[in-house]
Amino acid sequence: MDKIDHIGIAVNSLAEAVPVWTALLGENPAGEEEVPAEGVRVAFFGRGPGRVELLEPTGDDSPIARHLARRGAGVHHVCLAVDDLRSALARAEAAGLELLPPGVRQGAGSREVAFLHPRSAGGVLIELSAPKDRDRPADRSPGERANG
């Protein structure tokens, strides 16, 4: 069964946001890392399901920078942990949910991730996240894999 892995929150600055979340949660971040493919630096609070992920853009052209420019800081996405990303994507696509390009890609914590468009998911950007499957290329969508 899928479960909430984390809630992603777009912030302008980790340096400013981390102390706020540290005070709110009563703990320091469990870790920080840069995800170059997504143009973000992230800080995670907590371990296991239900974590909080703060996302700071590393450049003006990153998806998080665009989100901040349009909507300001705040909730960016809900991430569901899945055991099998391809099966979860097949279920989502069969239900009419729209996969965002480029499809499956490398996410934080050495996990494979894919995003579902908010317009097909009740206005919520959904991230699906699974342990990395080293037997499949991470930059192609499920349909592309079947054809190539």
N, C-alpha and C. Protein backbone atom coordinates (compact mmCIF):
# COMPACT_ATOMS: atom_id res chain seq x y z
N MET A 1 0.84 -1.18 0.00
CA MET A 1 0.00 0.00 0.00
C MET A 1 0.88 1.24 0.00
N ASP A 2 0.47 2.25 -0.77
CA ASP A 2 1.20 3.50 -0.82
C ASP A 2 0.95 4.29 0.46
N LYS A 3 1.94 5.06 0.86
CA LYS A 3 1.79 5.88 2.06
C LYS A 3 2.46 7.22 1.82
N ILE A 4 2.08 8.21 2.63
CA ILE A 4 2.71 9.52 2.48
C ILE A 4 4.15 9.41 2.97
N ASP A 5 5.07 9.68 2.05
CA ASP A 5 6.49 9.67 2.39
C ASP A 5 6.88 11.02 2.98
N HIS A 6 6.50 12.10 2.27
CA HIS A 6 6.82 13.44 2.77
C HIS A 6 5.92 14.48 2.12
N ILE A 7 5.93 15.65 2.73
CA ILE A 7 5.27 16.83 2.19
C ILE A 7 6.39 17.78 1.78
N GLY A 8 6.39 18.20 0.51
CA GLY A 8 7.40 19.12 0.00
C GLY A 8 6.94 20.56 0.14
N ILE A 9 7.79 21.39 0.71
CA ILE A 9 7.47 22.79 0.95
C ILE A 9 8.51 23.66 0.26
N ALA A 10 8.04 24.50 -0.68
CA ALA A 10 8.94 25.42 -1.39
C ALA A 10 9.30 26.58 -0.48
N VAL A 11 10.60 26.88 -0.40
CA VAL A 11 11.09 27.99 0.40
C VAL A 11 12.07 28.81 -0.42
N ASN A 12 12.16 30.08 -0.10
CA ASN A 12 13.12 30.95 -0.79
C ASN A 12 14.54 30.69 -0.33
N SER A 13 14.68 30.29 0.94
CA SER A 13 16.01 30.13 1.53
C SER A 13 15.99 29.06 2.62
N LEU A 14 16.83 28.04 2.46
CA LEU A 14 16.97 27.05 3.53
C LEU A 14 17.53 27.70 4.78
N ALA A 15 18.45 28.65 4.61
CA ALA A 15 19.06 29.31 5.76
C ALA A 15 18.01 30.00 6.62
N GLU A 16 16.95 30.50 6.01
CA GLU A 16 15.88 31.15 6.76
C GLU A 16 14.82 30.15 7.23
N ALA A 17 14.52 29.15 6.42
CA ALA A 17 13.43 28.23 6.73
C ALA A 17 13.82 27.15 7.74
N VAL A 18 15.05 26.66 7.69
CA VAL A 18 15.47 25.57 8.58
C VAL A 18 15.30 25.94 10.06
N PRO A 19 15.71 27.13 10.49
CA PRO A 19 15.51 27.46 11.91
C PRO A 19 14.02 27.49 12.32
N VAL A 20 13.16 27.93 11.43
CA VAL A 20 11.72 27.96 11.71
C VAL A 20 11.20 26.54 11.92
N TRP A 21 11.54 25.64 10.99
CA TRP A 21 11.07 24.26 11.08
C TRP A 21 11.74 23.52 12.22
N THR A 22 12.98 23.87 12.54
CA THR A 22 13.65 23.28 13.69
C THR A 22 12.88 23.64 14.97
N ALA A 23 12.47 24.90 15.08
CA ALA A 23 11.70 25.33 16.26
C ALA A 23 10.33 24.65 16.29
N LEU A 24 9.66 24.56 15.14
CA LEU A 24 8.34 23.95 15.09
C LEU A 24 8.36 22.47 15.44
N LEU A 25 9.35 21.76 14.92
CA LEU A 25 9.39 20.31 15.09
C LEU A 25 10.26 19.85 16.26
N GLY A 26 11.03 20.76 16.81
CA GLY A 26 11.88 20.41 17.95
C GLY A 26 13.03 19.50 17.60
N GLU A 27 13.47 19.57 16.36
CA GLU A 27 14.62 18.74 15.92
C GLU A 27 15.33 19.42 14.77
N ASN A 28 16.59 19.05 14.59
CA ASN A 28 17.37 19.54 13.46
C ASN A 28 17.03 18.71 12.23
N PRO A 29 17.36 19.23 11.04
CA PRO A 29 17.13 18.42 9.84
C PRO A 29 17.87 17.10 9.91
N ALA A 30 17.25 16.06 9.38
CA ALA A 30 17.89 14.74 9.32
C ALA A 30 18.96 14.70 8.24
N GLY A 31 18.89 15.63 7.31
CA GLY A 31 19.88 15.69 6.24
C GLY A 31 19.56 16.77 5.24
N GLU A 32 20.58 17.16 4.49
CA GLU A 32 20.44 18.12 3.40
C GLU A 32 21.21 17.57 2.21
N GLU A 33 20.70 17.87 1.01
CA GLU A 33 21.43 17.49 -0.20
C GLU A 33 20.98 18.33 -1.37
N GLU A 34 21.79 18.35 -2.40
CA GLU A 34 21.43 19.03 -3.64
C GLU A 34 20.99 17.97 -4.64
N VAL A 35 19.93 18.29 -5.39
CA VAL A 35 19.44 17.42 -6.46
C VAL A 35 19.58 18.23 -7.76
N PRO A 36 20.74 18.13 -8.41
CA PRO A 36 21.00 18.95 -9.60
C PRO A 36 19.96 18.79 -10.71
N ALA A 37 19.47 17.59 -10.91
CA ALA A 37 18.50 17.36 -11.98
C ALA A 37 17.21 18.15 -11.78
N GLU A 38 16.90 18.46 -10.53
CA GLU A 38 15.68 19.22 -10.23
C GLU A 38 15.97 20.68 -9.89
N GLY A 39 17.26 21.03 -9.81
CA GLY A 39 17.63 22.41 -9.51
C GLY A 39 17.25 22.85 -8.11
N VAL A 40 17.43 21.94 -7.14
CA VAL A 40 17.06 22.27 -5.76
C VAL A 40 18.09 21.78 -4.76
N ARG A 41 18.08 22.45 -3.61
CA ARG A 41 18.71 21.95 -2.40
C ARG A 41 17.56 21.60 -1.48
N VAL A 42 17.67 20.47 -0.82
CA VAL A 42 16.59 20.02 0.07
C VAL A 42 17.11 19.78 1.47
N ALA A 43 16.23 19.99 2.43
CA ALA A 43 16.50 19.64 3.82
C ALA A 43 15.31 18.82 4.29
N PHE A 44 15.58 17.63 4.85
CA PHE A 44 14.54 16.75 5.36
C PHE A 44 14.48 16.81 6.87
N PHE A 45 13.27 16.85 7.39
CA PHE A 45 13.03 16.73 8.83
C PHE A 45 12.32 15.42 9.07
N GLY A 46 12.81 14.64 10.02
CA GLY A 46 12.21 13.36 10.34
C GLY A 46 12.83 12.23 9.54
N ARG A 47 12.44 11.02 9.93
CA ARG A 47 12.90 9.82 9.23
C ARG A 47 11.68 8.94 9.02
N GLY A 48 11.65 8.25 7.90
CA GLY A 48 10.50 7.40 7.62
C GLY A 48 9.31 8.19 7.10
N PRO A 49 8.14 7.58 7.08
CA PRO A 49 6.94 8.23 6.54
C PRO A 49 6.59 9.51 7.30
N GLY A 50 6.01 10.46 6.56
CA GLY A 50 5.54 11.68 7.18
C GLY A 50 6.58 12.77 7.36
N ARG A 51 7.68 12.69 6.63
CA ARG A 51 8.73 13.70 6.76
C ARG A 51 8.30 15.03 6.14
N VAL A 52 9.03 16.07 6.46
CA VAL A 52 8.88 17.38 5.84
C VAL A 52 10.13 17.62 5.01
N GLU A 53 9.95 18.00 3.74
CA GLU A 53 11.06 18.30 2.84
C GLU A 53 10.98 19.77 2.45
N LEU A 54 12.00 20.52 2.80
CA LEU A 54 12.09 21.92 2.38
C LEU A 54 12.87 21.97 1.07
N LEU A 55 12.38 22.73 0.10
CA LEU A 55 12.99 22.81 -1.23
C LEU A 55 13.38 24.25 -1.56
N GLU A 56 14.66 24.48 -1.76
CA GLU A 56 15.19 25.79 -2.13
C GLU A 56 15.73 25.72 -3.55
N PRO A 57 15.35 26.64 -4.44
CA PRO A 57 15.88 26.60 -5.80
C PRO A 57 17.38 26.90 -5.84
N THR A 58 18.08 26.25 -6.78
CA THR A 58 19.50 26.56 -6.95
C THR A 58 19.73 27.49 -8.13
N GLY A 59 18.67 27.79 -8.87
CA GLY A 59 18.76 28.71 -10.00
C GLY A 59 17.40 29.24 -10.36
N ASP A 60 17.38 30.32 -11.12
CA ASP A 60 16.12 30.96 -11.50
C ASP A 60 15.28 30.13 -12.46
N ASP A 61 15.88 29.12 -13.10
CA ASP A 61 15.15 28.31 -14.07
C ASP A 61 14.64 26.98 -13.51
N SER A 62 14.79 26.77 -12.21
CA SER A 62 14.35 25.50 -11.63
C SER A 62 12.83 25.51 -11.43
N PRO A 63 12.21 24.31 -11.42
CA PRO A 63 10.77 24.25 -11.17
C PRO A 63 10.37 24.91 -9.85
N ILE A 64 11.19 24.80 -8.83
CA ILE A 64 10.85 25.42 -7.54
C ILE A 64 10.92 26.94 -7.65
N ALA A 65 11.89 27.48 -8.38
CA ALA A 65 11.96 28.93 -8.58
C ALA A 65 10.71 29.43 -9.31
N ARG A 66 10.27 28.68 -10.32
CA ARG A 66 9.05 29.06 -11.04
C ARG A 66 7.83 29.00 -10.12
N HIS A 67 7.76 27.95 -9.29
CA HIS A 67 6.66 27.81 -8.33
C HIS A 67 6.65 29.00 -7.37
N LEU A 68 7.81 29.34 -6.83
CA LEU A 68 7.91 30.46 -5.89
C LEU A 68 7.48 31.78 -6.56
N ALA A 69 7.86 31.97 -7.81
CA ALA A 69 7.50 33.20 -8.53
C ALA A 69 5.99 33.29 -8.75
N ARG A 70 5.35 32.16 -9.02
CA ARG A 70 3.90 32.14 -9.29
C ARG A 70 3.06 32.13 -8.02
N ARG A 71 3.47 31.34 -7.03
CA ARG A 71 2.61 31.08 -5.88
C ARG A 71 3.20 31.47 -4.53
N GLY A 72 4.50 31.74 -4.51
CA GLY A 72 5.14 32.06 -3.25
C GLY A 72 5.49 30.80 -2.47
N ALA A 73 6.06 30.99 -1.32
CA ALA A 73 6.48 29.87 -0.48
C ALA A 73 5.25 29.13 0.04
N GLY A 74 5.42 27.84 0.27
CA GLY A 74 4.34 27.03 0.82
C GLY A 74 4.37 25.62 0.30
N VAL A 75 3.29 24.88 0.53
CA VAL A 75 3.23 23.48 0.12
C VAL A 75 3.40 23.38 -1.39
N HIS A 76 4.32 22.53 -1.81
CA HIS A 76 4.60 22.31 -3.22
C HIS A 76 4.04 20.98 -3.71
N HIS A 77 4.24 19.89 -2.93
CA HIS A 77 3.77 18.58 -3.37
C HIS A 77 3.58 17.63 -2.20
N VAL A 78 2.85 16.56 -2.49
CA VAL A 78 2.71 15.44 -1.56
C VAL A 78 3.38 14.26 -2.23
N CYS A 79 4.27 13.60 -1.49
CA CYS A 79 5.00 12.45 -2.04
C CYS A 79 4.47 11.16 -1.43
N LEU A 80 4.13 10.22 -2.31
CA LEU A 80 3.71 8.89 -1.88
C LEU A 80 4.85 7.91 -2.11
N ALA A 81 5.19 7.14 -1.09
CA ALA A 81 6.19 6.08 -1.22
C ALA A 81 5.50 4.86 -1.82
N VAL A 82 6.09 4.30 -2.85
CA VAL A 82 5.56 3.10 -3.49
C VAL A 82 6.67 2.06 -3.58
N ASP A 83 6.28 0.80 -3.59
CA ASP A 83 7.28 -0.27 -3.72
C ASP A 83 7.75 -0.43 -5.15
N ASP A 84 6.84 -0.24 -6.11
CA ASP A 84 7.13 -0.45 -7.52
C ASP A 84 6.63 0.76 -8.30
N LEU A 85 7.55 1.63 -8.70
CA LEU A 85 7.18 2.88 -9.35
C LEU A 85 6.46 2.63 -10.67
N ARG A 86 6.92 1.67 -11.44
CA ARG A 86 6.29 1.43 -12.74
C ARG A 86 4.85 0.95 -12.60
N SER A 87 4.58 0.08 -11.63
CA SER A 87 3.21 -0.38 -11.38
C SER A 87 2.34 0.77 -10.91
N ALA A 88 2.88 1.61 -10.02
CA ALA A 88 2.12 2.76 -9.52
C ALA A 88 1.80 3.72 -10.66
N LEU A 89 2.76 3.94 -11.57
CA LEU A 89 2.51 4.82 -12.70
C LEU A 89 1.48 4.22 -13.65
N ALA A 90 1.55 2.91 -13.86
CA ALA A 90 0.56 2.26 -14.73
C ALA A 90 -0.85 2.41 -14.14
N ARG A 91 -0.98 2.24 -12.82
CA ARG A 91 -2.29 2.42 -12.17
C ARG A 91 -2.76 3.87 -12.31
N ALA A 92 -1.85 4.81 -12.10
CA ALA A 92 -2.20 6.23 -12.19
C ALA A 92 -2.63 6.59 -13.60
N GLU A 93 -1.87 6.15 -14.59
CA GLU A 93 -2.21 6.46 -15.98
C GLU A 93 -3.52 5.79 -16.39
N ALA A 94 -3.78 4.58 -15.92
CA ALA A 94 -5.05 3.90 -16.21
C ALA A 94 -6.23 4.65 -15.60
N ALA A 95 -5.98 5.36 -14.50
CA ALA A 95 -7.03 6.14 -13.84
C ALA A 95 -7.17 7.54 -14.45
N GLY A 96 -6.36 7.83 -15.48
CA GLY A 96 -6.47 9.12 -16.16
C GLY A 96 -5.58 10.20 -15.61
N LEU A 97 -4.65 9.86 -14.73
CA LEU A 97 -3.72 10.85 -14.19
C LEU A 97 -2.60 11.09 -15.20
N GLU A 98 -2.16 12.34 -15.28
CA GLU A 98 -1.18 12.75 -16.28
C GLU A 98 0.23 12.80 -15.69
N LEU A 99 1.14 12.03 -16.28
CA LEU A 99 2.55 12.01 -15.88
C LEU A 99 3.24 13.25 -16.44
N LEU A 100 3.98 13.94 -15.58
CA LEU A 100 4.75 15.11 -16.02
C LEU A 100 6.07 14.66 -16.65
N PRO A 101 6.47 15.31 -17.74
CA PRO A 101 7.77 15.00 -18.33
C PRO A 101 8.89 15.42 -17.38
N PRO A 102 10.02 14.78 -17.38
CA PRO A 102 10.44 13.75 -18.33
C PRO A 102 10.09 12.33 -17.89
N GLY A 103 9.18 12.14 -16.98
CA GLY A 103 8.84 10.80 -16.51
C GLY A 103 9.66 10.43 -15.30
N VAL A 104 10.13 9.21 -15.27
CA VAL A 104 10.91 8.71 -14.13
C VAL A 104 12.29 9.35 -14.14
N ARG A 105 12.73 9.80 -12.96
CA ARG A 105 14.03 10.47 -12.85
C ARG A 105 14.62 10.26 -11.46
N GLN A 106 15.86 10.67 -11.30
CA GLN A 106 16.57 10.56 -10.02
C GLN A 106 16.08 11.64 -9.07
N GLY A 107 15.70 11.24 -7.86
CA GLY A 107 15.27 12.18 -6.84
C GLY A 107 16.23 12.19 -5.68
N ALA A 108 15.83 12.85 -4.62
CA ALA A 108 16.65 12.91 -3.41
C ALA A 108 16.75 11.53 -2.78
N GLY A 109 17.80 11.31 -2.03
CA GLY A 109 17.96 10.05 -1.32
C GLY A 109 18.16 8.85 -2.21
N SER A 110 18.70 9.05 -3.41
CA SER A 110 18.95 7.95 -4.36
C SER A 110 17.69 7.17 -4.67
N ARG A 111 16.58 7.87 -4.81
CA ARG A 111 15.31 7.23 -5.15
C ARG A 111 14.88 7.66 -6.53
N GLU A 112 14.10 6.80 -7.19
CA GLU A 112 13.48 7.15 -8.45
C GLU A 112 12.16 7.84 -8.13
N VAL A 113 11.87 8.89 -8.88
CA VAL A 113 10.64 9.63 -8.65
C VAL A 113 9.97 9.95 -9.98
N ALA A 114 8.68 10.23 -9.90
CA ALA A 114 7.90 10.72 -11.03
C ALA A 114 6.81 11.61 -10.45
N PHE A 115 6.37 12.58 -11.25
CA PHE A 115 5.36 13.52 -10.78
C PHE A 115 4.10 13.43 -11.63
N LEU A 116 2.95 13.57 -10.97
CA LEU A 116 1.66 13.58 -11.64
C LEU A 116 1.12 15.01 -11.63
N HIS A 117 0.62 15.45 -12.77
CA HIS A 117 0.18 16.83 -12.94
C HIS A 117 -0.98 17.17 -12.01
N PRO A 118 -0.93 18.34 -11.37
CA PRO A 118 -2.02 18.72 -10.46
C PRO A 118 -3.39 18.80 -11.15
N ARG A 119 -3.43 19.17 -12.43
CA ARG A 119 -4.74 19.31 -13.09
C ARG A 119 -5.46 17.97 -13.21
N SER A 120 -4.71 16.87 -13.09
CA SER A 120 -5.35 15.56 -13.16
C SER A 120 -5.47 14.90 -11.79
N ALA A 121 -4.99 15.59 -10.75
CA ALA A 121 -4.96 15.01 -9.40
C ALA A 121 -5.60 15.94 -8.37
N GLY A 122 -6.71 16.54 -8.75
CA GLY A 122 -7.45 17.37 -7.81
C GLY A 122 -6.73 18.62 -7.35
N GLY A 123 -5.82 19.14 -8.19
CA GLY A 123 -5.10 20.36 -7.85
C GLY A 123 -3.85 20.16 -7.01
N VAL A 124 -3.46 18.90 -6.78
CA VAL A 124 -2.29 18.59 -5.95
C VAL A 124 -1.20 17.97 -6.82
N LEU A 125 0.01 18.53 -6.77
CA LEU A 125 1.15 17.90 -7.43
C LEU A 125 1.53 16.68 -6.60
N ILE A 126 1.50 15.51 -7.23
CA ILE A 126 1.81 14.25 -6.55
C ILE A 126 3.16 13.75 -7.04
N GLU A 127 4.03 13.44 -6.11
CA GLU A 127 5.30 12.78 -6.41
C GLU A 127 5.17 11.33 -5.98
N LEU A 128 5.57 10.42 -6.85
CA LEU A 128 5.66 9.00 -6.50
C LEU A 128 7.14 8.68 -6.37
N SER A 129 7.52 7.97 -5.31
CA SER A 129 8.92 7.73 -5.01
C SER A 129 9.13 6.27 -4.64
N ALA A 130 10.18 5.66 -5.22
CA ALA A 130 10.48 4.26 -4.95
C ALA A 130 11.99 4.06 -4.91
N PRO A 131 12.43 2.97 -4.28
CA PRO A 131 13.86 2.64 -4.33
C PRO A 131 14.32 2.55 -5.76
N LYS A 132 15.52 2.98 -6.03
CA LYS A 132 16.05 2.98 -7.39
C LYS A 132 16.15 1.57 -7.94
N ASP A 133 15.63 1.40 -9.16
CA ASP A 133 15.70 0.14 -9.89
C ASP A 133 16.84 0.28 -10.89
N ARG A 134 17.95 -0.33 -10.61
CA ARG A 134 19.15 -0.14 -11.43
C ARG A 134 19.08 -0.82 -12.79
N ASP A 135 18.03 -1.62 -13.04
CA ASP A 135 17.93 -2.33 -14.31
C ASP A 135 17.24 -1.52 -15.40
N ARG A 136 16.66 -0.35 -15.05
CA ARG A 136 15.92 0.43 -16.03
C ARG A 136 16.47 1.84 -16.07
N PRO A 137 16.50 2.45 -17.28
CA PRO A 137 16.94 3.84 -17.36
C PRO A 137 15.98 4.73 -16.60
N ALA A 138 16.51 5.71 -15.85
CA ALA A 138 15.68 6.57 -15.00
C ALA A 138 15.13 7.77 -15.74
N ASP A 139 15.45 7.95 -17.03
CA ASP A 139 15.04 9.17 -17.70
C ASP A 139 13.96 8.94 -18.75
N ARG A 140 13.31 7.80 -18.75
CA ARG A 140 12.28 7.52 -19.74
C ARG A 140 10.98 7.15 -19.04
N SER A 141 9.88 7.49 -19.67
CA SER A 141 8.58 7.18 -19.10
C SER A 141 8.27 5.70 -19.34
N PRO A 142 7.29 5.12 -18.64
CA PRO A 142 6.95 3.71 -18.82
C PRO A 142 6.59 3.38 -20.27
N GLY A 143 5.84 4.26 -20.95
CA GLY A 143 5.48 4.00 -22.34
C GLY A 143 6.69 3.97 -23.26
N GLU A 144 7.65 4.86 -23.01
CA GLU A 144 8.86 4.88 -23.81
C GLU A 144 9.67 3.60 -23.62
N ARG A 145 9.69 3.08 -22.39
CA ARG A 145 10.44 1.86 -22.12
C ARG A 145 9.88 0.68 -22.89
N ALA A 146 8.55 0.63 -22.98
CA ALA A 146 7.92 -0.49 -23.66
C ALA A 146 8.22 -0.48 -25.14
N ASN A 147 8.48 0.72 -25.69
CA ASN A 147 8.73 0.83 -27.13
C ASN A 147 10.20 0.87 -27.47
N GLY A 148 11.04 0.88 -26.50
CA GLY A 148 12.44 1.05 -26.88
C GLY A 148 13.30 0.33 -25.98
